[in-house]
C-alpha atoms as a PDB file:
ATOM      1  CA  MET A   1      -4.321  24.301  -5.818  1.00  0.00           C
ATOM      2  CA  ARG A   2      -4.260  20.396  -5.925  1.00  0.00           C
ATOM      3  CA  SER A   3      -2.256  18.793  -8.864  1.00  0.00           C
ATOM      4  CA  ARG A   4      -3.644  15.827 -10.898  1.00  0.00           C
ATOM      5  CA  ALA A   5      -1.976  12.502 -10.981  1.00  0.00           C
ATOM      6  CA  SER A   6      -1.055  12.803 -14.350  1.00  0.00           C
ATOM      7  CA  GLY A   7       0.492  16.403 -13.864  1.00  0.00           C
ATOM      8  CA  LEU A   8       2.538  15.268 -10.951  1.00  0.00           C
ATOM      9  CA  LEU A   9       4.244  12.428 -12.829  1.00  0.00           C
ATOM     10  CA  ALA A  10       4.490  14.595 -16.077  1.00  0.00           C
ATOM     11  CA  ALA A  11       6.560  17.263 -14.299  1.00  0.00           C
ATOM     12  CA  GLY A  12       8.491  14.805 -11.880  1.00  0.00           C
ATOM     13  CA  CYS A  13       9.453  17.140  -8.894  1.00  0.00           C
ATOM     14  CA  VAL A  14       7.187  20.147  -9.001  1.00  0.00           C
ATOM     15  CA  LEU A  15       5.648  22.600  -6.193  1.00  0.00           C
ATOM     16  CA  VAL A  16       2.405  22.220  -5.102  1.00  0.00           C
ATOM     17  CA  VAL A  17       0.542  23.612  -1.961  1.00  0.00           C
ATOM     18  CA  LEU A  18      -1.408  20.573  -0.432  1.00  0.00           C
ATOM     19  CA  ALA A  19      -4.882  20.797   1.192  1.00  0.00           C
ATOM     20  CA  GLY A  20      -4.403  21.732   4.886  1.00  0.00           C
ATOM     21  CA  CYS A  21      -0.993  23.474   4.283  1.00  0.00           C
ATOM     22  CA  ALA A  22      -2.010  26.190   1.918  1.00  0.00           C
ATOM     23  CA  SER A  23       0.968  28.223   3.373  1.00  0.00           C
ATOM     24  CA  ALA A  24       3.984  26.157   3.198  1.00  0.00           C
ATOM     25  CA  PRO A  25       4.414  24.796  -0.480  1.00  0.00           C
ATOM     26  CA  VAL A  26       5.594  21.375  -0.495  1.00  0.00           C
ATOM     27  CA  VAL A  27       8.366  20.002  -3.018  1.00  0.00           C
ATOM     28  CA  THR A  28       7.251  16.938  -4.196  1.00  0.00           C
ATOM     29  CA  ARG A  29       8.743  13.615  -5.142  1.00  0.00           C
ATOM     30  CA  THR A  30       8.845  11.115  -7.651  1.00  0.00           C
ATOM     31  CA  PRO A  31       5.840   8.718  -6.694  1.00  0.00           C
ATOM     32  CA  GLY A  32       7.199   5.579  -5.059  1.00  0.00           C
ATOM     33  CA  SER A  33      10.251   7.438  -4.077  1.00  0.00           C
ATOM     34  CA  LEU A  34       9.657   6.698  -0.316  1.00  0.00           C
ATOM     35  CA  PRO A  35       9.558   3.601   1.542  1.00  0.00           C
ATOM     36  CA  GLY A  36       5.993   4.203   2.567  1.00  0.00           C
ATOM     37  CA  TYR A  37       2.039   4.048   2.345  1.00  0.00           C
ATOM     38  CA  VAL A  38      -0.434   5.934   3.512  1.00  0.00           C
ATOM     39  CA  HIS A  39      -2.520   4.103   5.721  1.00  0.00           C
ATOM     40  CA  ASN A  40      -6.573   4.631   5.612  1.00  0.00           C
ATOM     41  CA  ASP A  41      -5.959   7.152   2.523  1.00  0.00           C
ATOM     42  CA  TYR A  42      -9.286   8.220   1.858  1.00  0.00           C
ATOM     43  CA  ARG A  43      -9.539  10.082   4.725  1.00  0.00           C
ATOM     44  CA  ARG A  44      -6.769  12.807   3.515  1.00  0.00           C
ATOM     45  CA  GLY A  45      -7.700  15.369   1.668  1.00  0.00           C
ATOM     46  CA  ASP A  46     -10.577  15.872  -0.825  1.00  0.00           C
ATOM     47  CA  PRO A  47      -9.361  14.259  -3.685  1.00  0.00           C
ATOM     48  CA  PRO A  48      -7.557  11.314  -1.577  1.00  0.00           C
ATOM     49  CA  LEU A  49      -4.342   9.394  -3.130  1.00  0.00           C
ATOM     50  CA  GLN A  50      -2.934  12.840  -4.807  1.00  0.00           C
ATOM     51  CA  GLU A  51      -1.124  13.802  -1.654  1.00  0.00           C
ATOM     52  CA  ALA A  52       0.289  10.423  -1.374  1.00  0.00           C
ATOM     53  CA  LEU A  53       1.246  10.313  -5.091  1.00  0.00           C
ATOM     54  CA  ALA A  54       2.576  14.223  -4.556  1.00  0.00           C
ATOM     55  CA  LEU A  55       4.937  13.205  -1.870  1.00  0.00           C
ATOM     56  CA  GLY A  56       6.351  10.316  -3.015  1.00  0.00           C
ATOM     57  CA  TYR A  57       4.747   7.107  -1.091  1.00  0.00           C
ATOM     58  CA  ALA A  58       4.685   3.979  -2.579  1.00  0.00           C
ATOM     59  CA  GLY A  59       1.193   2.936  -2.187  1.00  0.00           C
ATOM     60  CA  VAL A  60      -1.930   3.743   0.106  1.00  0.00           C
ATOM     61  CA  GLU A  61      -4.567   1.579   1.683  1.00  0.00           C
ATOM     62  CA  ALA A  62      -8.777   1.850   1.474  1.00  0.00           C
ATOM     63  CA  ASP A  63     -11.333   0.365   3.465  1.00  0.00           C
ATOM     64  CA  VAL A  64     -14.352  -0.440   1.104  1.00  0.00           C
ATOM     65  CA  PHE A  65     -18.267  -1.435   1.824  1.00  0.00           C
ATOM     66  CA  LEU A  66     -20.233  -2.796  -0.768  1.00  0.00           C
ATOM     67  CA  VAL A  67     -23.390  -0.823  -0.854  1.00  0.00           C
ATOM     68  CA  ALA A  68     -26.119  -1.254  -3.545  1.00  0.00           C
ATOM     69  CA  GLY A  69     -23.898  -2.652  -5.761  1.00  0.00           C
ATOM     70  CA  GLU A  70     -21.007   0.066  -5.609  1.00  0.00           C
ATOM     71  CA  LEU A  71     -17.925  -0.315  -3.582  1.00  0.00           C
ATOM     72  CA  LEU A  72     -17.802   2.602  -1.357  1.00  0.00           C
ATOM     73  CA  LEU A  73     -14.529   4.206   0.894  1.00  0.00           C
ATOM     74  CA  GLY A  74     -15.026   4.073   4.396  1.00  0.00           C
ATOM     75  CA  HIS A  75     -13.467   2.943   8.063  1.00  0.00           C
ATOM     76  CA  ASP A  76     -17.364   2.280   9.069  1.00  0.00           C
ATOM     77  CA  ARG A  77     -20.144   1.761   7.042  1.00  0.00           C
ATOM     78  CA  LYS A  78     -21.648   5.374   8.389  1.00  0.00           C
ATOM     79  CA  GLU A  79     -18.724   6.908   6.788  1.00  0.00           C
ATOM     80  CA  VAL A  80     -19.567   5.420   2.895  1.00  0.00           C
ATOM     81  CA  ARG A  81     -20.906   8.337   0.392  1.00  0.00           C
ATOM     82  CA  PRO A  82     -22.193   7.577  -2.748  1.00  0.00           C
ATOM     83  CA  ASP A  83     -19.619   9.700  -4.443  1.00  0.00           C
ATOM     84  CA  ARG A  84     -16.507   8.235  -2.959  1.00  0.00           C
ATOM     85  CA  THR A  85     -16.236   4.856  -4.976  1.00  0.00           C
ATOM     86  CA  LEU A  86     -12.997   2.705  -5.337  1.00  0.00           C
ATOM     87  CA  ARG A  87     -13.438   3.011  -8.793  1.00  0.00           C
ATOM     88  CA  GLY A  88     -13.414   6.385  -8.694  1.00  0.00           C
ATOM     89  CA  VAL A  89     -11.051   7.659  -5.599  1.00  0.00           C
ATOM     90  CA  TYR A  90      -8.377   5.071  -6.799  1.00  0.00           C
ATOM     91  CA  LEU A  91      -8.271   2.857  -9.949  1.00  0.00           C
ATOM     92  CA  GLU A  92      -9.339   5.633 -12.245  1.00  0.00           C
ATOM     93  CA  PRO A  93      -6.883   8.041 -11.257  1.00  0.00           C
ATOM     94  CA  LEU A  94      -4.050   5.258 -10.882  1.00  0.00           C
ATOM     95  CA  ARG A  95      -5.021   4.519 -14.472  1.00  0.00           C
ATOM     96  CA  LEU A  96      -4.307   7.937 -15.543  1.00  0.00           C
ATOM     97  CA  ALA A  97      -1.236   8.327 -13.357  1.00  0.00           C
ATOM     98  CA  ALA A  98       0.246   4.695 -15.276  1.00  0.00           C
ATOM     99  CA  ALA A  99      -0.861   6.190 -18.859  1.00  0.00           C
ATOM    100  CA  GLY A 100       2.164   5.501 -21.267  1.00  0.00           C
ATOM    101  CA  ARG A 101       4.436   4.166 -18.432  1.00  0.00           C
ATOM    102  CA  ALA A 102       5.425   0.814 -17.660  1.00  0.00           C
ATOM    103  CA  ALA A 103       5.832   1.738 -13.811  1.00  0.00           C
ATOM    104  CA  ILE A 104       4.581   4.420 -11.510  1.00  0.00           C
ATOM    105  CA  ARG A 105       7.504   3.979  -9.354  1.00  0.00           C
ATOM    106  CA  PRO A 106      10.924   5.134 -10.235  1.00  0.00           C
ATOM    107  CA  ASP A 107      12.356   1.907  -9.156  1.00  0.00           C
ATOM    108  CA  GLY A 108      10.005  -0.268 -11.571  1.00  0.00           C
ATOM    109  CA  GLN A 109       7.976  -2.021  -8.667  1.00  0.00           C
ATOM    110  CA  PRO A 110       4.033  -1.734  -8.612  1.00  0.00           C
ATOM    111  CA  PHE A 111       2.544   0.897  -6.567  1.00  0.00           C
ATOM    112  CA  LEU A 112       0.480  -0.736  -3.662  1.00  0.00           C
ATOM    113  CA  LEU A 113      -3.221  -0.244  -3.401  1.00  0.00           C
ATOM    114  CA  ASN A 114      -3.992  -2.266  -0.047  1.00  0.00           C
ATOM    115  CA  VAL A 115      -7.688  -2.978  -0.336  1.00  0.00           C
ATOM    116  CA  GLU A 116      -9.305  -3.886   3.154  1.00  0.00           C
ATOM    117  CA  LEU A 117     -12.664  -5.128   2.535  1.00  0.00           C
ATOM    118  CA  LYS A 118     -14.939  -4.517   5.287  1.00  0.00           C
ATOM    119  CA  GLN A 119     -17.398  -7.368   4.971  1.00  0.00           C
ATOM    120  CA  ASP A 120     -17.052 -11.094   5.437  1.00  0.00           C
ATOM    121  CA  ASP A 121     -19.003 -11.734   2.339  1.00  0.00           C
ATOM    122  CA  PRO A 122     -18.570 -13.718  -0.365  1.00  0.00           C
ATOM    123  CA  ALA A 123     -20.690 -11.323  -2.986  1.00  0.00           C
ATOM    124  CA  ALA A 124     -18.738  -8.364  -1.712  1.00  0.00           C
ATOM    125  CA  PHE A 125     -15.599  -9.990  -2.882  1.00  0.00           C
ATOM    126  CA  ALA A 126     -17.106 -10.925  -6.273  1.00  0.00           C
ATOM    127  CA  ALA A 127     -18.172  -7.695  -6.893  1.00  0.00           C
ATOM    128  CA  LEU A 128     -14.532  -6.451  -5.990  1.00  0.00           C
ATOM    129  CA  HIS A 129     -12.589  -8.490  -8.111  1.00  0.00           C
ATOM    130  CA  ALA A 130     -15.060  -8.057 -11.160  1.00  0.00           C
ATOM    131  CA  LEU A 131     -14.106  -4.467 -10.600  1.00  0.00           C
ATOM    132  CA  LEU A 132     -10.698  -5.395 -10.529  1.00  0.00           C
ATOM    133  CA  LEU A 133     -10.778  -7.226 -13.713  1.00  0.00           C
ATOM    134  CA  GLU A 134     -11.846  -3.945 -15.371  1.00  0.00           C
ATOM    135  CA  TYR A 135      -8.457  -2.841 -14.743  1.00  0.00           C
ATOM    136  CA  ARG A 136      -6.378  -5.480 -15.839  1.00  0.00           C
ATOM    137  CA  ASP A 137      -4.345  -3.379 -18.314  1.00  0.00           C
ATOM    138  CA  VAL A 138      -2.859  -1.535 -15.286  1.00  0.00           C
ATOM    139  CA  LEU A 139      -2.929  -4.109 -12.554  1.00  0.00           C
ATOM    140  CA  VAL A 140      -0.417  -7.025 -11.654  1.00  0.00           C
ATOM    141  CA  THR A 141      -2.503 -10.020 -13.035  1.00  0.00           C
ATOM    142  CA  VAL A 142      -2.107 -13.458 -12.593  1.00  0.00           C
ATOM    143  CA  GLU A 143      -3.673 -15.735 -15.405  1.00  0.00           C
ATOM    144  CA  ASP A 144      -3.165 -19.435 -15.593  1.00  0.00           C
ATOM    145  CA  GLY A 145      -0.243 -19.441 -13.192  1.00  0.00           C
ATOM    146  CA  ARG A 146       1.524 -16.814 -15.534  1.00  0.00           C
ATOM    147  CA  VAL A 147       2.119 -13.028 -13.984  1.00  0.00           C
ATOM    148  CA  ARG A 148       1.784 -10.072 -16.073  1.00  0.00           C
ATOM    149  CA  ASP A 149       3.190  -6.977 -14.947  1.00  0.00           C
ATOM    150  CA  GLY A 150       1.241  -4.007 -14.092  1.00  0.00           C
ATOM    151  CA  ALA A 151       2.200  -0.445 -12.515  1.00  0.00           C
ATOM    152  CA  VAL A 152      -0.018  -1.155  -9.388  1.00  0.00           C
ATOM    153  CA  GLN A 153      -0.173  -4.169  -7.091  1.00  0.00           C
ATOM    154  CA  VAL A 154      -3.527  -4.543  -5.251  1.00  0.00           C
ATOM    155  CA  VAL A 155      -3.444  -6.542  -1.913  1.00  0.00           C
ATOM    156  CA  LEU A 156      -6.390  -7.775  -0.082  1.00  0.00           C
ATOM    157  CA  VAL A 157      -5.678  -6.731   3.638  1.00  0.00           C
ATOM    158  CA  GLY A 158      -9.436  -7.483   4.994  1.00  0.00           C
ATOM    159  CA  TRP A 159     -11.664 -10.017   4.557  1.00  0.00           C
ATOM    160  CA  GLN A 160     -10.974 -12.551   1.718  1.00  0.00           C
ATOM    161  CA  PRO A 161     -11.780 -16.359   0.595  1.00  0.00           C
ATOM    162  CA  PRO A 162      -9.423 -19.123   1.557  1.00  0.00           C
ATOM    163  CA  LEU A 163      -6.142 -19.006  -0.281  1.00  0.00           C
ATOM    164  CA  ALA A 164      -6.897 -21.977  -2.577  1.00  0.00           C
ATOM    165  CA  GLU A 165      -9.983 -20.540  -3.491  1.00  0.00           C
ATOM    166  CA  LEU A 166      -8.045 -17.487  -4.735  1.00  0.00           C
ATOM    167  CA  ALA A 167      -5.226 -19.438  -6.290  1.00  0.00           C
ATOM    168  CA  ALA A 168      -7.817 -21.235  -8.617  1.00  0.00           C
ATOM    169  CA  LEU A 169      -9.182 -18.436 -10.070  1.00  0.00           C
ATOM    170  CA  PRO A 170      -8.175 -19.025 -13.852  1.00  0.00           C
ATOM    171  CA  VAL A 171      -7.733 -14.804 -13.906  1.00  0.00           C
ATOM    172  CA  ARG A 172      -6.418 -12.947 -10.407  1.00  0.00           C
ATOM    173  CA  CYS A 173      -5.845  -9.412  -9.975  1.00  0.00           C
ATOM    174  CA  CYS A 174      -4.730  -9.518  -6.254  1.00  0.00           C
ATOM    175  CA  ALA A 175      -2.498 -10.871  -3.842  1.00  0.00           C
ATOM    176  CA  VAL A 176      -3.003 -11.106  -0.262  1.00  0.00           C
ATOM    177  CA  GLN A 177      -1.189 -10.487   3.199  1.00  0.00           C
ATOM    178  CA  ARG A 178      -0.353 -12.527   6.233  1.00  0.00           C
ATOM    179  CA  TYR A 179       0.352 -11.208   9.464  1.00  0.00           C
ATOM    180  CA  TRP A 180       4.081 -12.675  10.429  1.00  0.00           C
ATOM    181  CA  ARG A 181       2.616 -14.467  13.515  1.00  0.00           C
ATOM    182  CA  ASP A 182      -0.184 -16.090  11.020  1.00  0.00           C
ATOM    183  CA  LEU A 183       2.088 -17.157   8.269  1.00  0.00           C
ATOM    184  CA  PRO A 184       0.948 -20.285   7.541  1.00  0.00           C
ATOM    185  CA  PRO A 185       3.331 -23.244   7.683  1.00  0.00           C
ATOM    186  CA  ASP A 186       3.873 -23.823   4.067  1.00  0.00           C
ATOM    187  CA  HIS A 187       4.228 -20.147   3.441  1.00  0.00           C
ATOM    188  CA  ALA A 188       7.600 -20.934   1.975  1.00  0.00           C
ATOM    189  CA  ALA A 189       5.833 -22.568  -1.099  1.00  0.00           C
ATOM    190  CA  LEU A 190       3.072 -19.722  -1.443  1.00  0.00           C
ATOM    191  CA  PRO A 191       4.126 -17.470  -4.558  1.00  0.00           C
ATOM    192  CA  ALA A 192       4.688 -13.729  -4.167  1.00  0.00           C
ATOM    193  CA  HIS A 193       2.128 -13.097  -6.685  1.00  0.00           C
ATOM    194  CA  LEU A 194      -0.464 -14.712  -4.095  1.00  0.00           C
ATOM    195  CA  LEU A 195       1.027 -13.818  -0.478  1.00  0.00           C
ATOM    196  CA  LYS A 196       2.736 -10.754  -1.437  1.00  0.00           C
ATOM    197  CA  LEU A 197       2.898  -8.757   2.181  1.00  0.00           C
ATOM    198  CA  VAL A 198       4.290 -10.369   5.436  1.00  0.00           C
ATOM    199  CA  THR A 199       2.554  -7.799   7.909  1.00  0.00           C
ATOM    200  CA  VAL A 200       3.500  -6.414  11.198  1.00  0.00           C
ATOM    201  CA  GLN A 201       1.759  -4.063  13.962  1.00  0.00           C
ATOM    202  CA  TYR A 202       4.553  -2.395  15.365  1.00  0.00           C
ATOM    203  CA  PRO A 203       3.325  -2.323  19.080  1.00  0.00           C
ATOM    204  CA  GLN A 204       2.769  -6.244  19.073  1.00  0.00           C
ATOM    205  CA  HIS A 205       6.522  -7.029  18.081  1.00  0.00           C
ATOM    206  CA  PHE A 206       8.537  -3.703  19.274  1.00  0.00           C
ATOM    207  CA  SER A 207       8.710  -1.937  22.146  1.00  0.00           C
ATOM    208  CA  TRP A 208      11.170   0.269  21.476  1.00  0.00           C
ATOM    209  CA  ASP A 209       9.891   3.773  21.006  1.00  0.00           C
ATOM    210  CA  GLY A 210      13.233   5.789  19.361  1.00  0.00           C
ATOM    211  CA  LYS A 211      14.390   7.104  22.616  1.00  0.00           C
ATOM    212  CA  GLY A 212      17.749   5.883  23.869  1.00  0.00           C
ATOM    213  CA  PRO A 213      20.024   3.242  22.097  1.00  0.00           C
ATOM    214  CA  GLU A 214      18.125   0.558  20.028  1.00  0.00           C
ATOM    215  CA  PRO A 215      17.894  -2.425  22.090  1.00  0.00           C
ATOM    216  CA  PRO A 216      19.475  -5.844  21.056  1.00  0.00           C
ATOM    217  CA  GLU A 217      16.061  -7.410  20.688  1.00  0.00           C
ATOM    218  CA  PHE A 218      14.782  -4.894  17.715  1.00  0.00           C
ATOM    219  CA  ALA A 219      17.654  -5.927  15.548  1.00  0.00           C
ATOM    220  CA  ARG A 220      16.897 -10.102  16.212  1.00  0.00           C
ATOM    221  CA  ARG A 221      12.998  -9.577  15.772  1.00  0.00           C
ATOM    222  CA  LEU A 222      13.998  -7.555  12.159  1.00  0.00           C
ATOM    223  CA  ALA A 223      15.898 -10.441  11.255  1.00  0.00           C
ATOM    224  CA  GLU A 224      13.326 -13.301  12.031  1.00  0.00           C
ATOM    225  CA  LEU A 225      10.472 -10.751   9.689  1.00  0.00           C
ATOM    226  CA  ARG A 226      13.445 -10.226   7.232  1.00  0.00           C
ATOM    227  CA  ALA A 227      13.652 -14.389   6.964  1.00  0.00           C
ATOM    228  CA  ALA A 228       9.705 -14.568   6.426  1.00  0.00           C
ATOM    229  CA  ARG A 229       9.705 -12.134   3.611  1.00  0.00           C
ATOM    230  CA  ASP A 230      12.735 -13.525   2.279  1.00  0.00           C
ATOM    231  CA  ALA A 231      11.676 -16.989   1.889  1.00  0.00           C
ATOM    232  CA  VAL A 232       9.715 -16.022  -1.334  1.00  0.00           C
ATOM    233  CA  PRO A 233      11.520 -13.924  -3.692  1.00  0.00           C
ATOM    234  CA  GLY A 234       9.138 -10.835  -4.429  1.00  0.00           C
ATOM    235  CA  ARG A 235       7.540 -10.276  -1.146  1.00  0.00           C
ATOM    236  CA  TRP A 236       7.419  -7.150   0.593  1.00  0.00           C
ATOM    237  CA  LEU A 237       7.586  -6.309   4.431  1.00  0.00           C
ATOM    238  CA  ARG A 238       5.322  -3.872   5.898  1.00  0.00           C
ATOM    239  CA  VAL A 239       4.944  -2.358   9.451  1.00  0.00           C
ATOM    240  CA  PHE A 240       2.477  -0.225  10.669  1.00  0.00           C
ATOM    241  CA  LYS A 241       1.626   1.600  13.784  1.00  0.00           C
ATOM    242  CA  VAL A 242       5.128   2.907  14.059  1.00  0.00           C
ATOM    243  CA  PRO A 243       6.473   5.443  16.372  1.00  0.00           C
ATOM    244  CA  ARG A 244       6.620   8.961  14.230  1.00  0.00           C
ATOM    245  CA  ARG A 245      10.469   9.227  15.387  1.00  0.00           C
ATOM    246  CA  ALA A 246      13.425   9.030  13.008  1.00  0.00           C
ATOM    247  CA  ALA A 247      15.840   6.954  14.887  1.00  0.00           C
ATOM    248  CA  VAL A 248      12.946   4.092  14.617  1.00  0.00           C
ATOM    249  CA  TYR A 249      12.520   4.980  11.040  1.00  0.00           C
ATOM    250  CA  GLU A 250      15.886   4.637   9.810  1.00  0.00           C
ATOM    251  CA  ALA A 251      16.670   1.352  12.000  1.00  0.00           C
ATOM    252  CA  LEU A 252      13.762  -0.226  10.349  1.00  0.00           C
ATOM    253  CA  VAL A 253      14.342   0.818   6.627  1.00  0.00           C
ATOM    254  CA  ALA A 254      18.364  -0.074   7.007  1.00  0.00           C
ATOM    255  CA  GLY A 255      16.972  -3.429   8.759  1.00  0.00           C
ATOM    256  CA  GLY A 256      14.926  -4.750   5.236  1.00  0.00           C
ATOM    257  CA  VAL A 257      11.368  -3.042   6.025  1.00  0.00           C
ATOM    258  CA  ASP A 258       9.876  -2.415   2.301  1.00  0.00           C
ATOM    259  CA  LEU A 259       6.823  -0.197   3.685  1.00  0.00           C
ATOM    260  CA  ILE A 260       6.020   2.075   6.790  1.00  0.00           C
ATOM    261  CA  GLY A 261       2.644   2.389   6.957  1.00  0.00           C
ATOM    262  CA  THR A 262       1.800   6.305   8.201  1.00  0.00           C
ATOM    263  CA  LYS A 263      -1.271   8.073   8.515  1.00  0.00           C
ATOM    264  CA  LYS A 264       0.285  11.577   8.728  1.00  0.00           C
ATOM    265  CA  PRO A 265       1.868  11.251   5.232  1.00  0.00           C
ATOM    266  CA  ALA A 266       3.355  14.770   5.182  1.00  0.00           C
ATOM    267  CA  ALA A 267       4.934  14.672   8.758  1.00  0.00           C
ATOM    268  CA  SER A 268       6.261  11.077   7.902  1.00  0.00           C
ATOM    269  CA  ALA A 269       7.769  11.896   4.662  1.00  0.00           C
ATOM    270  CA  PRO A 270      10.906  13.778   5.416  1.00  0.00           C
ATOM    271  CA  LEU A 271      11.537  11.170   8.063  1.00  0.00           C
ATOM    272  CA  LEU A 272      10.653   8.273   5.177  1.00  0.00           C
ATOM    273  CA  ALA A 273      13.321  10.440   3.084  1.00  0.00           C
ATOM    274  CA  ALA A 274      15.994  10.935   5.204  1.00  0.00           C
ATOM    275  CA  ALA A 275      15.706   6.724   6.277  1.00  0.00           C
ATOM    276  CA  ALA A 276      15.935   6.493   3.194  1.00  0.00           C
ATOM    277  CA  GLY A 277      19.142   8.282   1.953  1.00  0.00           C
ATOM    278  CA  ARG A 278      16.875  10.722  -0.307  1.00  0.00           C
END
């Protein structure tokens, strides 16, 4: 039976049986103790999010469409269902998980909620941000240039208005990502509360599959990525589509990667734990 987020957080490390693994109890970790996030989390189990929290992931990612005034989850419009909303599946449970706590993650960093808006539509963004404003009590929020800490960091990884428009919002409950190769020339002047994630798709920049010795160019490329991340304190470096091999995970974490994406959270969790020495 799947535990609720509040029970997980209150109990710390408990035994649960996850959906699809009824014969194998899984020792849960403190949410946020692993340097990874669950990509397309809404496709995992029922309800989503709970497995990511139980296994100790630092974040999740959800795709959304605006349909008849509701932000519904789905990678394609044909996947959306009226009972699977961003509010009900993610924002309400995360508010519950954060109740009475300064942070969900043990390191004090906010839990990551990547939101990929699948429509190039200003109205859809307006609806999304109006919804996020209802959760200012738990979200990292920027108001008149001042950052108010929150237990959850929303990052837009899909369509979004231009950075100048986002920066001009009097109250903003989200930051954005940029792929490493698409970083604007002045990215070092953009605060982390606006440009939070530097993102890399592993196969576009690395060829090592974890078999054999680590090639010299692997470390050189990681150094370039770290330099882009470290140009502004508080940014995170995330890599996805990573080969699920212990050697690759260990090299990425040792090289400074903050978040490794996975679509197989149960399979990736022990590799991430070993890479992080946990």
